[in-house]
Amino acid sequence: MGAEGRTRATGFTSQGRPLRRSAEYPKVASGADEWGGIKGENCYGETEQIFKEGYRGKGSDPRMMRVVENVLDDLKTRGVNVQMLNITQLSEYRKEAHPSIYRKQWEPLTEEKISNPKSYADCHHWCLPGVPDVWNELLYAYIFHQ
């Protein structure tokens, strides 16, 4: 896995000693072949969301969701009622909602990169306003209409 998939967490133990951990996190950005596009392409140039009903992106692992549901059910049997609003699958439909090439470039782009926008398109983050605002609106409606 490349450096973009590696996160280094640092902190301190309760005794004040340094705590260092390395963890590998999978890349969750989708490739175009995932939604019926050309293999090797990404979100660059996308202008519409995914309309295919029942679409499942890589970020929506049903096995992981079952684990979460089982944990929440277990908590409920212990008298702790935790509710979850799953926005993962909703977000998977929005392949066009990433900043793509329209984001701050922290280092000047080389001529080679400029000639191939797909190579530096940001397909990991969400545009603001955009998808995260929908998450907030859903949460707000959920809380105030209970």
Protein backbone atom coordinates (compact mmCIF):
# COMPACT_ATOMS: atom_id res chain seq x y z
CA MET A 1 0.00 0.00 0.00
CA GLY A 2 1.32 3.45 -0.87
CA ALA A 3 1.95 6.33 1.50
CA GLU A 4 -1.55 7.73 0.84
CA GLY A 5 -3.04 4.70 2.57
CA ARG A 6 -0.85 4.86 5.68
CA THR A 7 -1.71 6.88 8.78
CA ARG A 8 0.59 7.38 11.72
CA ALA A 9 -1.20 8.12 14.98
CA THR A 10 0.77 9.63 17.85
CA GLY A 11 -0.24 10.57 21.37
CA PHE A 12 0.65 9.92 24.97
CA THR A 13 -0.16 7.17 27.46
CA SER A 14 -1.81 8.06 30.77
CA GLN A 15 1.74 8.04 32.25
CA GLY A 16 2.90 10.65 29.73
CA ARG A 17 5.01 8.29 27.63
CA PRO A 18 4.90 8.71 23.84
CA LEU A 19 2.47 6.38 22.09
CA ARG A 20 3.17 5.53 18.48
CA ARG A 21 1.08 3.36 16.21
CA SER A 22 1.00 2.79 12.51
CA ALA A 23 -2.16 1.66 10.81
CA GLU A 24 -3.07 0.80 7.26
CA TYR A 25 -6.34 2.19 5.97
CA PRO A 26 -7.72 1.18 2.59
CA LYS A 27 -8.24 3.83 -0.05
CA VAL A 28 -11.97 4.34 -0.40
CA ALA A 29 -12.07 6.50 -3.50
CA SER A 30 -13.86 4.67 -6.26
CA GLY A 31 -12.54 3.86 -9.68
CA ALA A 32 -14.80 4.46 -12.67
CA ASP A 33 -14.99 0.73 -13.40
CA GLU A 34 -16.86 0.42 -10.11
CA TRP A 35 -19.81 2.38 -11.51
CA GLY A 36 -19.63 1.09 -15.08
CA GLY A 37 -16.99 3.50 -16.40
CA ILE A 38 -13.60 2.82 -17.93
CA LYS A 39 -11.07 0.94 -15.78
CA GLY A 40 -8.30 3.25 -14.58
CA GLU A 41 -10.47 6.39 -14.72
CA ASN A 42 -11.57 8.29 -11.60
CA CYS A 43 -13.95 11.09 -10.61
CA TYR A 44 -12.29 13.65 -12.91
CA GLY A 45 -14.83 15.03 -15.36
CA GLU A 46 -17.85 13.39 -13.68
CA THR A 47 -20.96 15.59 -13.79
CA GLU A 48 -23.75 13.28 -12.63
CA GLN A 49 -24.35 11.07 -9.64
CA ILE A 50 -24.87 7.33 -9.89
CA PHE A 51 -28.53 6.59 -10.60
CA LYS A 52 -28.36 2.78 -10.56
CA GLU A 53 -30.67 1.58 -7.80
CA GLY A 54 -28.96 -0.87 -5.46
CA TYR A 55 -25.47 0.36 -6.35
CA ARG A 56 -22.89 -0.64 -3.74
CA GLY A 57 -19.56 1.13 -3.65
CA LYS A 58 -16.37 -0.19 -2.09
CA GLY A 59 -16.94 1.97 0.97
CA SER A 60 -20.22 0.21 1.76
CA ASP A 61 -19.12 -3.17 3.05
CA PRO A 62 -22.29 -5.05 4.09
CA ARG A 63 -20.25 -7.32 6.39
CA MET A 64 -18.91 -4.31 8.27
CA MET A 65 -22.39 -2.83 8.56
CA ARG A 66 -23.67 -6.11 10.03
CA VAL A 67 -20.87 -5.97 12.62
CA VAL A 68 -21.92 -2.44 13.58
CA GLU A 69 -25.59 -3.49 13.75
CA ASN A 70 -24.69 -6.47 15.95
CA VAL A 71 -22.73 -4.23 18.33
CA LEU A 72 -25.64 -1.77 18.52
CA ASP A 73 -28.08 -4.65 19.15
CA ASP A 74 -25.80 -5.94 21.91
CA LEU A 75 -25.70 -2.49 23.50
CA LYS A 76 -29.50 -2.33 23.33
CA THR A 77 -29.78 -5.62 25.28
CA ARG A 78 -27.61 -3.98 27.96
CA GLY A 79 -29.98 -1.01 28.21
CA VAL A 80 -27.93 1.39 26.07
CA ASN A 81 -29.98 2.60 23.13
CA VAL A 82 -27.64 3.91 20.43
CA GLN A 83 -29.07 4.84 17.06
CA MET A 84 -27.06 5.09 13.87
CA LEU A 85 -27.79 7.10 10.78
CA ASN A 86 -25.85 5.36 8.00
CA ILE A 87 -24.80 7.94 5.41
CA THR A 88 -22.13 5.77 3.80
CA GLN A 89 -24.28 4.21 1.10
CA LEU A 90 -25.99 7.54 0.38
CA SER A 91 -22.60 9.14 -0.20
CA GLU A 92 -21.45 6.34 -2.52
CA TYR A 93 -23.89 7.55 -5.19
CA ARG A 94 -22.17 10.96 -5.43
CA LYS A 95 -19.16 10.31 -7.69
CA GLU A 96 -19.43 13.84 -9.08
CA ALA A 97 -19.30 15.61 -5.70
CA HIS A 98 -15.53 15.57 -5.17
CA PRO A 99 -13.25 18.60 -5.61
CA SER A 100 -11.44 16.76 -8.42
CA ILE A 101 -8.85 19.21 -9.80
CA TYR A 102 -10.60 22.24 -8.25
CA ARG A 103 -8.81 22.29 -4.93
CA LYS A 104 -5.82 24.01 -3.40
CA GLN A 105 -2.60 22.50 -4.68
CA TRP A 106 -0.08 22.61 -1.84
CA GLU A 107 2.84 22.16 -4.20
CA PRO A 108 3.15 23.55 -7.72
CA LEU A 109 2.02 21.05 -10.33
CA THR A 110 4.57 19.84 -12.82
CA GLU A 111 3.87 20.21 -16.55
CA GLU A 112 3.47 16.43 -16.70
CA LYS A 113 0.73 16.51 -14.03
CA ILE A 114 -1.01 19.50 -15.62
CA SER A 115 -1.18 17.59 -18.89
CA ASN A 116 -2.95 14.69 -17.13
CA PRO A 117 -5.60 16.10 -14.73
CA LYS A 118 -6.77 12.60 -13.73
CA SER A 119 -3.39 12.09 -12.07
CA TYR A 120 -4.04 14.74 -9.41
CA ALA A 121 -7.84 14.77 -9.17
CA ASP A 122 -8.96 14.63 -5.54
CA CYS A 123 -11.60 11.87 -5.41
CA HIS A 124 -11.29 11.31 -1.64
CA HIS A 125 -12.80 14.49 -0.18
CA TRP A 126 -16.21 16.12 -0.61
CA CYS A 127 -17.04 19.58 -1.92
CA LEU A 128 -18.49 22.16 0.43
CA PRO A 129 -21.29 22.99 0.25
CA GLY A 130 -22.27 19.51 -0.80
CA VAL A 131 -22.55 15.98 0.52
CA PRO A 132 -21.54 16.77 4.16
CA ASP A 133 -24.27 19.42 4.26
CA VAL A 134 -26.81 16.76 3.28
CA TRP A 135 -25.50 14.58 6.14
CA ASN A 136 -26.09 17.49 8.53
CA GLU A 137 -29.58 18.16 7.19
CA LEU A 138 -30.52 14.48 7.57
CA LEU A 139 -29.18 14.41 11.13
CA TYR A 140 -31.03 17.63 11.99
CA ALA A 141 -34.31 16.27 10.57
CA TYR A 142 -33.79 12.96 12.37
CA ILE A 143 -33.18 14.63 15.74
CA PHE A 144 -36.03 17.13 15.56
CA HIS A 145 -38.64 14.79 14.12
CA GLN A 146 -38.26 12.00 16.67
